[in-house]
Amino acid sequence: MAATLIESTGVVPVVVLESASQAAPLSKALLAGGIPVIEVTFRTAAAAESISILAEDARLLIGAGTVLTERQLDAALEAGARFIVTPGFSARIVRGCQAAGVPVYPGVATGTEIQLALEEGLEVVKFFPAGTSGGPAAVKALSAPFSMMRFIPTGGVGQANMDDYLRLPSVLAVGGSWMVSPELVAAGAYDEVTALSTAAVEQVTHSRRRVKEDS
């Protein structure tokens, strides 16, 4: 299942690709750094083709992000996306994913949105934008009444604060772009992508070890 691999990895790179030619070298850099998951956002015209290229690698769990419309959902699924991420909650998109048998992680920031997600049978949601929606304190507070929900905080998450999220039992993983920033990708700095990915994986391991030691 997608959620199982996402949880075991602990971090989901969120990438914006301007050209599909960047997809293959980026995936190699992430895999070399120990990250087999990637979310390609539908913020550029290259998204669908990039997903199609990435989907050819059986080692990768490829997802489509920033899916706003049913047309984008269809394009993402046709390209081979194995999970869908949305910035907000859309029952129509959620039900479309469920009909296709593909996991979906809609963006939520309030108790109302989480309750809507529960009503659709979801167990994992994206907490977005995490940094401006209360950060780890908000996730912790929302986890009390919604103890059955797991969260993927994204937006304002980076090396400096990912530990604060990962120490929360309700956090499945964190999403971020610091290891796949547009600047790094545009410069072809794939060695740096690998180095940052390796550091992120090590940080996930360290954070989870501390959680076990403190419990």
Foldseek 3Di string as FASTA:
>chain_A
DVLVLCLLQQEEAEAEDQALVLQVLLCVLLVLLPRQEYEYEPPYPHRLVNLLVSQVDPSHQYAYEQDDDPVSVVSNVVSPHQEYEHQADDPVSCVVCVVVVHHYAYEDLDLVRVVVCVVSVDAEHEHPQQVVSPHLVSVVVSCVVVVSHAYAHEHPDDPVCQLSNLLDPRHSHYYYHPLPDPVCSVVVVSNSSSVRSNVVSVVSVVSVVVSVVVD
